[in-house]
Amino acid sequence: MKRLFTMGLALLMVLTMVPMSCHASNLDAGIGAESVMLASMTVSAVAVDKPVDMGDNQDSSEDWRVVTEEDGSVYLQNDATDEIIVYAFRIDENGNEQSVDLAEYAHQLNTLPRAPESSDVMDEQNDQQKAIFRKPGTSTYVYSYKETKAYETLGDGIKVTPDVVGPATITYGESVTVSEEFSVGISASATIKDAITSEVSFDWHAQLSSSSNFTVAKQVAAGRTGYVEFTPRLMVTEGTMTRKLVHIPGGVVSSSEFEAWGKSPIMLATGYADGIYDVKYK
């Protein structure tokens, strides 16, 4: 009898606790759901309010914008420099002039990656003298270059005609030379240049000339001062230059690395430098 009473009491306690447990579970679930909803609302608010990071390479002062007049004429304008481009063209592989869409040209000017700037040049002689004083004999540098990336960009514009005050017509332009350029952080000797140009992933050209023939006359509007400018297309290589100071006899004394880059003009099938000509107003 006592045993039956004990079992009955235990069963009553279980039946009494089950609803409480279920209620607690439902309460926890409700709190969890509210927490998830609150978290979602918080994340949404942050996503809306967070400012957009434009990056360190943005420079709106150098951006070209497309302007369309009421008469339908289109030109590019740079608000920072007050320059205006009214017409752009290029010389194709067959030597023929082809007009360049101004909107596309603006896109290239604004978005193509910009080549790095030249770095400070270090003096090599100090290290050489230290090696010579340390051991008698001859010391020399050995260079090797490893390219990490290569890309196309536009170089700085070069005037190919003098200023002309309108109304006037420009019918020809001077040929200009586009040359290679290097930056290694040390003096770019012929040996260093060879180390870079021998390892690039594209055809390297030390210098090329632009075409001087304009097959279509370029008009300069009345009251404006204009000229024709050539903006060359360039290939850029970026990578690491390793410099080893070798003592003879004795072997490698020291080794150091430098960020390095080089620019080379792109050559058309005609042998001229590739690029875009534009009629620009001051």
C-alpha atoms as a PDB file:
ATOM      1  CA  MET A   1       0.000   0.000   0.000  1.00  0.00           C
ATOM      2  CA  LYS A   2       2.813   2.361   0.878  1.00  0.00           C
ATOM      3  CA  ARG A   3       4.484   1.497  -2.397  1.00  0.00           C
ATOM      4  CA  LEU A   4       1.307   2.340  -4.370  1.00  0.00           C
ATOM      5  CA  PHE A   5       1.009   5.675  -2.556  1.00  0.00           C
ATOM      6  CA  THR A   6       4.639   6.565  -3.391  1.00  0.00           C
ATOM      7  CA  MET A   7       4.135   5.776  -7.115  1.00  0.00           C
ATOM      8  CA  GLY A   8       0.940   7.816  -7.198  1.00  0.00           C
ATOM      9  CA  LEU A   9       2.662  10.816  -5.610  1.00  0.00           C
ATOM     10  CA  ALA A  10       5.508  10.615  -8.121  1.00  0.00           C
ATOM     11  CA  LEU A  11       3.034  10.473 -11.040  1.00  0.00           C
ATOM     12  CA  LEU A  12       1.192  13.525  -9.699  1.00  0.00           C
ATOM     13  CA  MET A  13       4.435  15.498  -9.497  1.00  0.00           C
ATOM     14  CA  VAL A  14       5.334  14.607 -13.130  1.00  0.00           C
ATOM     15  CA  LEU A  15       1.868  15.626 -14.378  1.00  0.00           C
ATOM     16  CA  THR A  16       2.137  18.887 -12.444  1.00  0.00           C
ATOM     17  CA  MET A  17       5.632  19.752 -13.840  1.00  0.00           C
ATOM     18  CA  VAL A  18       4.960  19.024 -17.527  1.00  0.00           C
ATOM     19  CA  PRO A  19       2.805  22.112 -18.223  1.00  0.00           C
ATOM     20  CA  MET A  20       5.347  24.309 -16.437  1.00  0.00           C
ATOM     21  CA  SER A  21       8.154  22.958 -18.594  1.00  0.00           C
ATOM     22  CA  CYS A  22       6.110  23.394 -21.753  1.00  0.00           C
ATOM     23  CA  HIS A  23       5.234  26.953 -20.731  1.00  0.00           C
ATOM     24  CA  ALA A  24       8.878  27.720 -20.072  1.00  0.00           C
ATOM     25  CA  SER A  25       9.890  26.357 -23.467  1.00  0.00           C
ATOM     26  CA  ASN A  26       7.230  28.432 -25.211  1.00  0.00           C
ATOM     27  CA  LEU A  27       8.361  31.511 -23.294  1.00  0.00           C
ATOM     28  CA  ASP A  28      11.992  30.933 -24.250  1.00  0.00           C
ATOM     29  CA  ALA A  29      10.969  30.459 -27.880  1.00  0.00           C
ATOM     30  CA  GLY A  30       9.037  33.717 -27.748  1.00  0.00           C
ATOM     31  CA  ILE A  31      12.017  35.578 -26.323  1.00  0.00           C
ATOM     32  CA  GLY A  32      14.292  34.040 -28.960  1.00  0.00           C
ATOM     33  CA  ALA A  33      11.958  35.074 -31.765  1.00  0.00           C
ATOM     34  CA  GLU A  34      11.741  38.622 -30.423  1.00  0.00           C
ATOM     35  CA  SER A  35      15.546  38.729 -30.134  1.00  0.00           C
ATOM     36  CA  VAL A  36      15.967  37.588 -33.748  1.00  0.00           C
ATOM     37  CA  MET A  37      13.409  40.163 -34.936  1.00  0.00           C
ATOM     38  CA  LEU A  38      15.136  42.925 -32.963  1.00  0.00           C
ATOM     39  CA  ALA A  39      18.533  41.890 -34.305  1.00  0.00           C
ATOM     40  CA  SER A  40      17.194  41.948 -37.859  1.00  0.00           C
ATOM     41  CA  MET A  41      15.753  45.416 -37.337  1.00  0.00           C
ATOM     42  CA  THR A  42      19.062  46.640 -35.904  1.00  0.00           C
ATOM     43  CA  VAL A  43      21.121  45.241 -38.785  1.00  0.00           C
ATOM     44  CA  SER A  44      18.731  46.769 -41.316  1.00  0.00           C
ATOM     45  CA  ALA A  45      19.063  50.160 -39.671  1.00  0.00           C
ATOM     46  CA  VAL A  46      22.872  49.962 -39.718  1.00  0.00           C
ATOM     47  CA  ALA A  47      22.899  48.876 -43.372  1.00  0.00           C
ATOM     48  CA  VAL A  48      20.819  51.881 -44.372  1.00  0.00           C
ATOM     49  CA  ASP A  49      22.622  54.458 -42.271  1.00  0.00           C
ATOM     50  CA  LYS A  50      26.221  53.330 -42.886  1.00  0.00           C
ATOM     51  CA  PRO A  51      28.043  55.691 -45.314  1.00  0.00           C
ATOM     52  CA  VAL A  52      29.559  54.220 -48.469  1.00  0.00           C
ATOM     53  CA  ASP A  53      33.345  53.972 -48.434  1.00  0.00           C
ATOM     54  CA  MET A  54      34.570  55.425 -51.728  1.00  0.00           C
ATOM     55  CA  GLY A  55      38.142  54.204 -51.194  1.00  0.00           C
ATOM     56  CA  ASP A  56      41.474  56.021 -51.152  1.00  0.00           C
ATOM     57  CA  ASN A  57      41.903  56.109 -54.935  1.00  0.00           C
ATOM     58  CA  GLN A  58      38.828  58.244 -55.599  1.00  0.00           C
ATOM     59  CA  ASP A  59      39.682  61.737 -56.846  1.00  0.00           C
ATOM     60  CA  SER A  60      36.598  63.516 -58.099  1.00  0.00           C
ATOM     61  CA  SER A  61      38.643  66.621 -58.861  1.00  0.00           C
ATOM     62  CA  GLU A  62      40.134  64.799 -61.838  1.00  0.00           C
ATOM     63  CA  ASP A  63      36.909  63.276 -63.122  1.00  0.00           C
ATOM     64  CA  TRP A  64      35.610  64.142 -66.562  1.00  0.00           C
ATOM     65  CA  ARG A  65      31.860  64.450 -67.020  1.00  0.00           C
ATOM     66  CA  VAL A  66      29.730  64.350 -70.144  1.00  0.00           C
ATOM     67  CA  VAL A  67      27.788  67.521 -70.939  1.00  0.00           C
ATOM     68  CA  THR A  68      24.961  67.623 -73.504  1.00  0.00           C
ATOM     69  CA  GLU A  69      23.756  71.018 -74.725  1.00  0.00           C
ATOM     70  CA  GLU A  70      20.209  71.868 -75.807  1.00  0.00           C
ATOM     71  CA  ASP A  71      21.272  71.752 -79.464  1.00  0.00           C
ATOM     72  CA  GLY A  72      22.442  68.143 -78.978  1.00  0.00           C
ATOM     73  CA  SER A  73      26.176  68.886 -78.973  1.00  0.00           C
ATOM     74  CA  VAL A  74      28.209  66.806 -76.527  1.00  0.00           C
ATOM     75  CA  TYR A  75      31.525  67.562 -74.844  1.00  0.00           C
ATOM     76  CA  LEU A  76      33.558  66.543 -71.805  1.00  0.00           C
ATOM     77  CA  GLN A  77      34.290  68.949 -68.994  1.00  0.00           C
ATOM     78  CA  ASN A  78      36.714  68.850 -66.100  1.00  0.00           C
ATOM     79  CA  ASP A  79      35.444  71.196 -63.395  1.00  0.00           C
ATOM     80  CA  ALA A  80      38.773  71.203 -61.550  1.00  0.00           C
ATOM     81  CA  THR A  81      40.906  72.314 -64.510  1.00  0.00           C
ATOM     82  CA  ASP A  82      38.190  74.102 -66.566  1.00  0.00           C
ATOM     83  CA  GLU A  83      39.315  72.083 -69.597  1.00  0.00           C
ATOM     84  CA  ILE A  84      36.854  70.967 -72.253  1.00  0.00           C
ATOM     85  CA  ILE A  85      37.222  68.156 -74.805  1.00  0.00           C
ATOM     86  CA  VAL A  86      35.011  68.648 -77.856  1.00  0.00           C
ATOM     87  CA  TYR A  87      36.261  65.822 -80.070  1.00  0.00           C
ATOM     88  CA  ALA A  88      38.377  62.670 -79.715  1.00  0.00           C
ATOM     89  CA  PHE A  89      39.822  60.278 -82.258  1.00  0.00           C
ATOM     90  CA  ARG A  90      42.481  57.621 -82.719  1.00  0.00           C
ATOM     91  CA  ILE A  91      44.584  56.248 -85.551  1.00  0.00           C
ATOM     92  CA  ASP A  92      43.761  52.574 -86.115  1.00  0.00           C
ATOM     93  CA  GLU A  93      46.004  49.681 -87.148  1.00  0.00           C
ATOM     94  CA  ASN A  94      45.632  50.658 -90.829  1.00  0.00           C
ATOM     95  CA  GLY A  95      46.518  54.290 -90.283  1.00  0.00           C
ATOM     96  CA  ASN A  96      42.922  55.504 -90.601  1.00  0.00           C
ATOM     97  CA  GLU A  97      41.338  58.053 -88.297  1.00  0.00           C
ATOM     98  CA  GLN A  98      38.433  56.828 -86.187  1.00  0.00           C
ATOM     99  CA  SER A  99      36.286  59.011 -83.927  1.00  0.00           C
ATOM    100  CA  VAL A 100      36.086  58.009 -80.263  1.00  0.00           C
ATOM    101  CA  ASP A 101      32.794  58.194 -78.395  1.00  0.00           C
ATOM    102  CA  LEU A 102      33.159  60.925 -75.783  1.00  0.00           C
ATOM    103  CA  ALA A 103      31.190  59.043 -73.129  1.00  0.00           C
ATOM    104  CA  GLU A 104      33.461  56.023 -73.563  1.00  0.00           C
ATOM    105  CA  TYR A 105      36.529  58.262 -73.476  1.00  0.00           C
ATOM    106  CA  ALA A 106      35.346  59.851 -70.234  1.00  0.00           C
ATOM    107  CA  HIS A 107      34.833  56.384 -68.777  1.00  0.00           C
ATOM    108  CA  GLN A 108      38.417  55.447 -69.662  1.00  0.00           C
ATOM    109  CA  LEU A 109      39.847  58.667 -68.263  1.00  0.00           C
ATOM    110  CA  ASN A 110      37.970  58.201 -65.005  1.00  0.00           C
ATOM    111  CA  THR A 111      38.278  54.465 -64.413  1.00  0.00           C
ATOM    112  CA  LEU A 112      41.488  53.092 -65.923  1.00  0.00           C
ATOM    113  CA  PRO A 113      44.018  52.305 -63.178  1.00  0.00           C
ATOM    114  CA  ARG A 114      46.607  54.985 -62.664  1.00  0.00           C
ATOM    115  CA  ALA A 115      50.283  54.139 -62.775  1.00  0.00           C
ATOM    116  CA  PRO A 116      52.177  54.500 -59.477  1.00  0.00           C
ATOM    117  CA  GLU A 117      54.258  57.552 -58.709  1.00  0.00           C
ATOM    118  CA  SER A 118      58.043  57.577 -58.695  1.00  0.00           C
ATOM    119  CA  SER A 119      59.596  56.688 -55.347  1.00  0.00           C
ATOM    120  CA  ASP A 120      62.601  58.186 -53.593  1.00  0.00           C
ATOM    121  CA  VAL A 121      65.967  57.091 -54.962  1.00  0.00           C
ATOM    122  CA  MET A 122      68.500  55.532 -52.617  1.00  0.00           C
ATOM    123  CA  ASP A 123      72.266  55.783 -52.954  1.00  0.00           C
ATOM    124  CA  GLU A 124      73.884  52.487 -53.896  1.00  0.00           C
ATOM    125  CA  GLN A 125      77.454  53.603 -53.323  1.00  0.00           C
ATOM    126  CA  ASN A 126      77.194  53.534 -49.517  1.00  0.00           C
ATOM    127  CA  ASP A 127      76.478  49.803 -49.425  1.00  0.00           C
ATOM    128  CA  GLN A 128      79.217  49.112 -51.939  1.00  0.00           C
ATOM    129  CA  GLN A 129      81.766  51.048 -49.922  1.00  0.00           C
ATOM    130  CA  LYS A 130      80.776  49.171 -46.750  1.00  0.00           C
ATOM    131  CA  ALA A 131      81.338  45.858 -48.534  1.00  0.00           C
ATOM    132  CA  ILE A 132      84.687  46.977 -49.866  1.00  0.00           C
ATOM    133  CA  PHE A 133      85.858  48.122 -46.458  1.00  0.00           C
ATOM    134  CA  ARG A 134      84.672  44.876 -44.873  1.00  0.00           C
ATOM    135  CA  LYS A 135      86.640  42.640 -47.215  1.00  0.00           C
ATOM    136  CA  PRO A 136      89.294  43.352 -49.832  1.00  0.00           C
ATOM    137  CA  GLY A 137      88.297  42.484 -53.390  1.00  0.00           C
ATOM    138  CA  THR A 138      85.509  43.416 -55.791  1.00  0.00           C
ATOM    139  CA  SER A 139      81.827  43.892 -55.020  1.00  0.00           C
ATOM    140  CA  THR A 140      78.955  44.073 -57.478  1.00  0.00           C
ATOM    141  CA  TYR A 141      75.168  44.095 -57.510  1.00  0.00           C
ATOM    142  CA  VAL A 142      73.031  41.357 -59.032  1.00  0.00           C
ATOM    143  CA  TYR A 143      69.392  42.215 -59.826  1.00  0.00           C
ATOM    144  CA  SER A 144      66.291  40.101 -60.428  1.00  0.00           C
ATOM    145  CA  TYR A 145      62.723  41.233 -61.029  1.00  0.00           C
ATOM    146  CA  LYS A 146      59.448  39.427 -60.336  1.00  0.00           C
ATOM    147  CA  GLU A 147      56.267  40.857 -61.858  1.00  0.00           C
ATOM    148  CA  THR A 148      53.171  40.746 -59.661  1.00  0.00           C
ATOM    149  CA  LYS A 149      50.709  42.469 -62.005  1.00  0.00           C
ATOM    150  CA  ALA A 150      50.467  44.145 -65.398  1.00  0.00           C
ATOM    151  CA  TYR A 151      47.744  46.416 -66.742  1.00  0.00           C
ATOM    152  CA  GLU A 152      46.899  49.032 -69.368  1.00  0.00           C
ATOM    153  CA  THR A 153      46.512  52.702 -68.530  1.00  0.00           C
ATOM    154  CA  LEU A 154      46.509  56.140 -70.127  1.00  0.00           C
ATOM    155  CA  GLY A 155      49.557  58.358 -69.811  1.00  0.00           C
ATOM    156  CA  ASP A 156      49.719  62.118 -69.456  1.00  0.00           C
ATOM    157  CA  GLY A 157      48.479  64.159 -72.384  1.00  0.00           C
ATOM    158  CA  ILE A 158      51.091  65.657 -74.740  1.00  0.00           C
ATOM    159  CA  LYS A 159      50.347  68.708 -76.893  1.00  0.00           C
ATOM    160  CA  VAL A 160      50.889  67.997 -80.597  1.00  0.00           C
ATOM    161  CA  THR A 161      49.771  71.412 -81.898  1.00  0.00           C
ATOM    162  CA  PRO A 162      50.268  74.981 -80.731  1.00  0.00           C
ATOM    163  CA  ASP A 163      47.361  76.941 -79.257  1.00  0.00           C
ATOM    164  CA  VAL A 164      44.942  78.207 -81.891  1.00  0.00           C
ATOM    165  CA  VAL A 165      42.441  81.025 -81.331  1.00  0.00           C
ATOM    166  CA  GLY A 166      39.103  80.402 -83.017  1.00  0.00           C
ATOM    167  CA  PRO A 167      37.495  80.585 -85.363  1.00  0.00           C
ATOM    168  CA  ALA A 168      40.240  78.429 -86.883  1.00  0.00           C
ATOM    169  CA  THR A 169      40.981  75.016 -88.339  1.00  0.00           C
ATOM    170  CA  ILE A 170      43.714  72.611 -87.240  1.00  0.00           C
ATOM    171  CA  THR A 171      44.836  70.369 -90.097  1.00  0.00           C
ATOM    172  CA  TYR A 172      48.008  68.722 -88.825  1.00  0.00           C
ATOM    173  CA  GLY A 173      49.927  67.885 -85.697  1.00  0.00           C
ATOM    174  CA  GLU A 174      53.515  67.330 -84.667  1.00  0.00           C
ATOM    175  CA  SER A 175      54.862  63.866 -84.005  1.00  0.00           C
ATOM    176  CA  VAL A 176      55.831  63.372 -80.354  1.00  0.00           C
ATOM    177  CA  THR A 177      57.878  60.647 -78.703  1.00  0.00           C
ATOM    178  CA  VAL A 178      56.516  58.477 -75.909  1.00  0.00           C
ATOM    179  CA  SER A 179      59.289  56.875 -73.863  1.00  0.00           C
ATOM    180  CA  GLU A 180      59.629  54.127 -71.291  1.00  0.00           C
ATOM    181  CA  GLU A 181      59.745  55.021 -67.622  1.00  0.00           C
ATOM    182  CA  PHE A 182      60.992  53.194 -64.545  1.00  0.00           C
ATOM    183  CA  SER A 183      60.918  53.509 -60.763  1.00  0.00           C
ATOM    184  CA  VAL A 184      62.795  51.148 -58.498  1.00  0.00           C
ATOM    185  CA  GLY A 185      63.647  53.178 -55.407  1.00  0.00           C
ATOM    186  CA  ILE A 186      67.277  53.183 -56.568  1.00  0.00           C
ATOM    187  CA  SER A 187      68.987  54.653 -59.613  1.00  0.00           C
ATOM    188  CA  ALA A 188      67.608  52.857 -62.666  1.00  0.00           C
ATOM    189  CA  SER A 189      70.763  51.798 -64.467  1.00  0.00           C
ATOM    190  CA  ALA A 190      70.750  49.895 -67.759  1.00  0.00           C
ATOM    191  CA  THR A 191      71.217  46.667 -65.793  1.00  0.00           C
ATOM    192  CA  ILE A 192      68.141  47.343 -63.663  1.00  0.00           C
ATOM    193  CA  LYS A 193      66.057  48.268 -66.717  1.00  0.00           C
ATOM    194  CA  ASP A 194      67.098  45.050 -68.435  1.00  0.00           C
ATOM    195  CA  ALA A 195      66.132  43.061 -65.333  1.00  0.00           C
ATOM    196  CA  ILE A 196      62.599  44.503 -65.550  1.00  0.00           C
ATOM    197  CA  THR A 197      62.027  44.419 -69.306  1.00  0.00           C
ATOM    198  CA  SER A 198      63.241  40.830 -69.603  1.00  0.00           C
ATOM    199  CA  GLU A 199      60.605  39.590 -67.134  1.00  0.00           C
ATOM    200  CA  VAL A 200      57.447  41.478 -68.155  1.00  0.00           C
ATOM    201  CA  SER A 201      54.419  39.620 -69.538  1.00  0.00           C
ATOM    202  CA  PHE A 202      53.931  41.915 -72.565  1.00  0.00           C
ATOM    203  CA  ASP A 203      55.900  43.363 -75.485  1.00  0.00           C
ATOM    204  CA  TRP A 204      58.170  46.128 -74.264  1.00  0.00           C
ATOM    205  CA  HIS A 205      58.978  49.232 -76.324  1.00  0.00           C
ATOM    206  CA  ALA A 206      61.578  51.732 -75.170  1.00  0.00           C
ATOM    207  CA  GLN A 207      60.086  54.583 -77.192  1.00  0.00           C
ATOM    208  CA  LEU A 208      57.573  55.162 -79.964  1.00  0.00           C
ATOM    209  CA  SER A 209      56.428  58.167 -81.977  1.00  0.00           C
ATOM    210  CA  SER A 210      52.866  59.355 -82.491  1.00  0.00           C
ATOM    211  CA  SER A 211      51.400  59.839 -85.953  1.00  0.00           C
ATOM    212  CA  SER A 212      51.424  63.388 -87.326  1.00  0.00           C
ATOM    213  CA  ASN A 213      48.732  62.944 -89.981  1.00  0.00           C
ATOM    214  CA  PHE A 214      45.195  64.195 -89.325  1.00  0.00           C
ATOM    215  CA  THR A 215      42.872  63.171 -92.141  1.00  0.00           C
ATOM    216  CA  VAL A 216      39.988  65.307 -90.866  1.00  0.00           C
ATOM    217  CA  ALA A 217      40.298  69.043 -90.132  1.00  0.00           C
ATOM    218  CA  LYS A 218      39.610  70.007 -86.522  1.00  0.00           C
ATOM    219  CA  GLN A 219      37.558  73.134 -85.910  1.00  0.00           C
ATOM    220  CA  VAL A 220      38.139  75.571 -83.064  1.00  0.00           C
ATOM    221  CA  ALA A 221      35.050  77.587 -82.208  1.00  0.00           C
ATOM    222  CA  ALA A 222      35.028  81.378 -82.252  1.00  0.00           C
ATOM    223  CA  GLY A 223      36.166  82.940 -79.015  1.00  0.00           C
ATOM    224  CA  ARG A 224      37.863  79.743 -77.807  1.00  0.00           C
ATOM    225  CA  THR A 225      41.529  78.759 -77.594  1.00  0.00           C
ATOM    226  CA  GLY A 226      42.091  75.157 -78.583  1.00  0.00           C
ATOM    227  CA  TYR A 227      44.780  72.628 -79.369  1.00  0.00           C
ATOM    228  CA  VAL A 228      45.172  68.928 -80.079  1.00  0.00           C
ATOM    229  CA  GLU A 229      46.585  66.667 -77.404  1.00  0.00           C
ATOM    230  CA  PHE A 230      47.810  63.077 -77.641  1.00  0.00           C
ATOM    231  CA  THR A 231      47.168  60.777 -74.673  1.00  0.00           C
ATOM    232  CA  PRO A 232      49.271  57.606 -75.076  1.00  0.00           C
ATOM    233  CA  ARG A 233      48.182  54.128 -74.079  1.00  0.00           C
ATOM    234  CA  LEU A 234      50.721  52.459 -71.828  1.00  0.00           C
ATOM    235  CA  MET A 235      51.385  49.042 -70.394  1.00  0.00           C
ATOM    236  CA  VAL A 236      52.482  49.048 -66.767  1.00  0.00           C
ATOM    237  CA  THR A 237      54.317  46.338 -64.873  1.00  0.00           C
ATOM    238  CA  GLU A 238      54.527  46.275 -61.081  1.00  0.00           C
ATOM    239  CA  GLY A 239      56.580  43.909 -59.014  1.00  0.00           C
ATOM    240  CA  THR A 240      59.551  43.376 -56.726  1.00  0.00           C
ATOM    241  CA  MET A 241      63.182  44.038 -57.508  1.00  0.00           C
ATOM    242  CA  THR A 242      65.685  41.960 -55.526  1.00  0.00           C
ATOM    243  CA  ARG A 243      69.170  43.369 -55.209  1.00  0.00           C
ATOM    244  CA  LYS A 244      71.996  41.185 -53.987  1.00  0.00           C
ATOM    245  CA  LEU A 245      75.363  42.641 -53.103  1.00  0.00           C
ATOM    246  CA  VAL A 246      77.928  40.027 -54.120  1.00  0.00           C
ATOM    247  CA  HIS A 247      81.550  40.198 -53.000  1.00  0.00           C
ATOM    248  CA  ILE A 248      84.206  38.457 -55.071  1.00  0.00           C
ATOM    249  CA  PRO A 249      85.543  36.379 -53.483  1.00  0.00           C
ATOM    250  CA  GLY A 250      83.147  35.709 -50.619  1.00  0.00           C
ATOM    251  CA  GLY A 251      79.670  35.431 -52.157  1.00  0.00           C
ATOM    252  CA  VAL A 252      76.504  37.314 -51.220  1.00  0.00           C
ATOM    253  CA  VAL A 253      77.089  40.016 -48.613  1.00  0.00           C
ATOM    254  CA  SER A 254      73.518  41.345 -48.392  1.00  0.00           C
ATOM    255  CA  SER A 255      70.132  41.116 -50.104  1.00  0.00           C
ATOM    256  CA  SER A 256      67.313  43.650 -50.213  1.00  0.00           C
ATOM    257  CA  GLU A 257      63.988  44.091 -52.009  1.00  0.00           C
ATOM    258  CA  PHE A 258      62.348  47.158 -53.538  1.00  0.00           C
ATOM    259  CA  GLU A 259      58.965  47.893 -55.047  1.00  0.00           C
ATOM    260  CA  ALA A 260      59.479  48.483 -58.753  1.00  0.00           C
ATOM    261  CA  TRP A 261      57.422  49.396 -61.802  1.00  0.00           C
ATOM    262  CA  GLY A 262      57.893  50.292 -65.428  1.00  0.00           C
ATOM    263  CA  LYS A 263      55.800  51.880 -68.188  1.00  0.00           C
ATOM    264  CA  SER A 264      56.016  51.123 -71.891  1.00  0.00           C
ATOM    265  CA  PRO A 265      54.118  52.654 -74.825  1.00  0.00           C
ATOM    266  CA  ILE A 266      51.840  50.300 -76.767  1.00  0.00           C
ATOM    267  CA  MET A 267      52.678  49.925 -80.456  1.00  0.00           C
ATOM    268  CA  LEU A 268      50.180  49.776 -83.311  1.00  0.00           C
ATOM    269  CA  ALA A 269      50.742  47.629 -86.393  1.00  0.00           C
ATOM    270  CA  THR A 270      51.742  50.831 -88.178  1.00  0.00           C
ATOM    271  CA  GLY A 271      54.678  51.209 -85.806  1.00  0.00           C
ATOM    272  CA  TYR A 272      53.232  54.322 -84.187  1.00  0.00           C
ATOM    273  CA  ALA A 273      52.356  54.708 -80.522  1.00  0.00           C
ATOM    274  CA  ASP A 274      48.777  53.813 -79.650  1.00  0.00           C
ATOM    275  CA  GLY A 275      46.710  56.509 -78.004  1.00  0.00           C
ATOM    276  CA  ILE A 276      43.838  58.951 -78.269  1.00  0.00           C
ATOM    277  CA  TYR A 277      43.930  62.432 -79.743  1.00  0.00           C
ATOM    278  CA  ASP A 278      41.500  65.033 -78.504  1.00  0.00           C
ATOM    279  CA  VAL A 279      40.634  68.609 -79.367  1.00  0.00           C
ATOM    280  CA  LYS A 280      40.794  70.457 -76.087  1.00  0.00           C
ATOM    281  CA  TYR A 281      39.685  73.968 -75.145  1.00  0.00           C
ATOM    282  CA  LYS A 282      41.258  75.964 -72.371  1.00  0.00           C
END
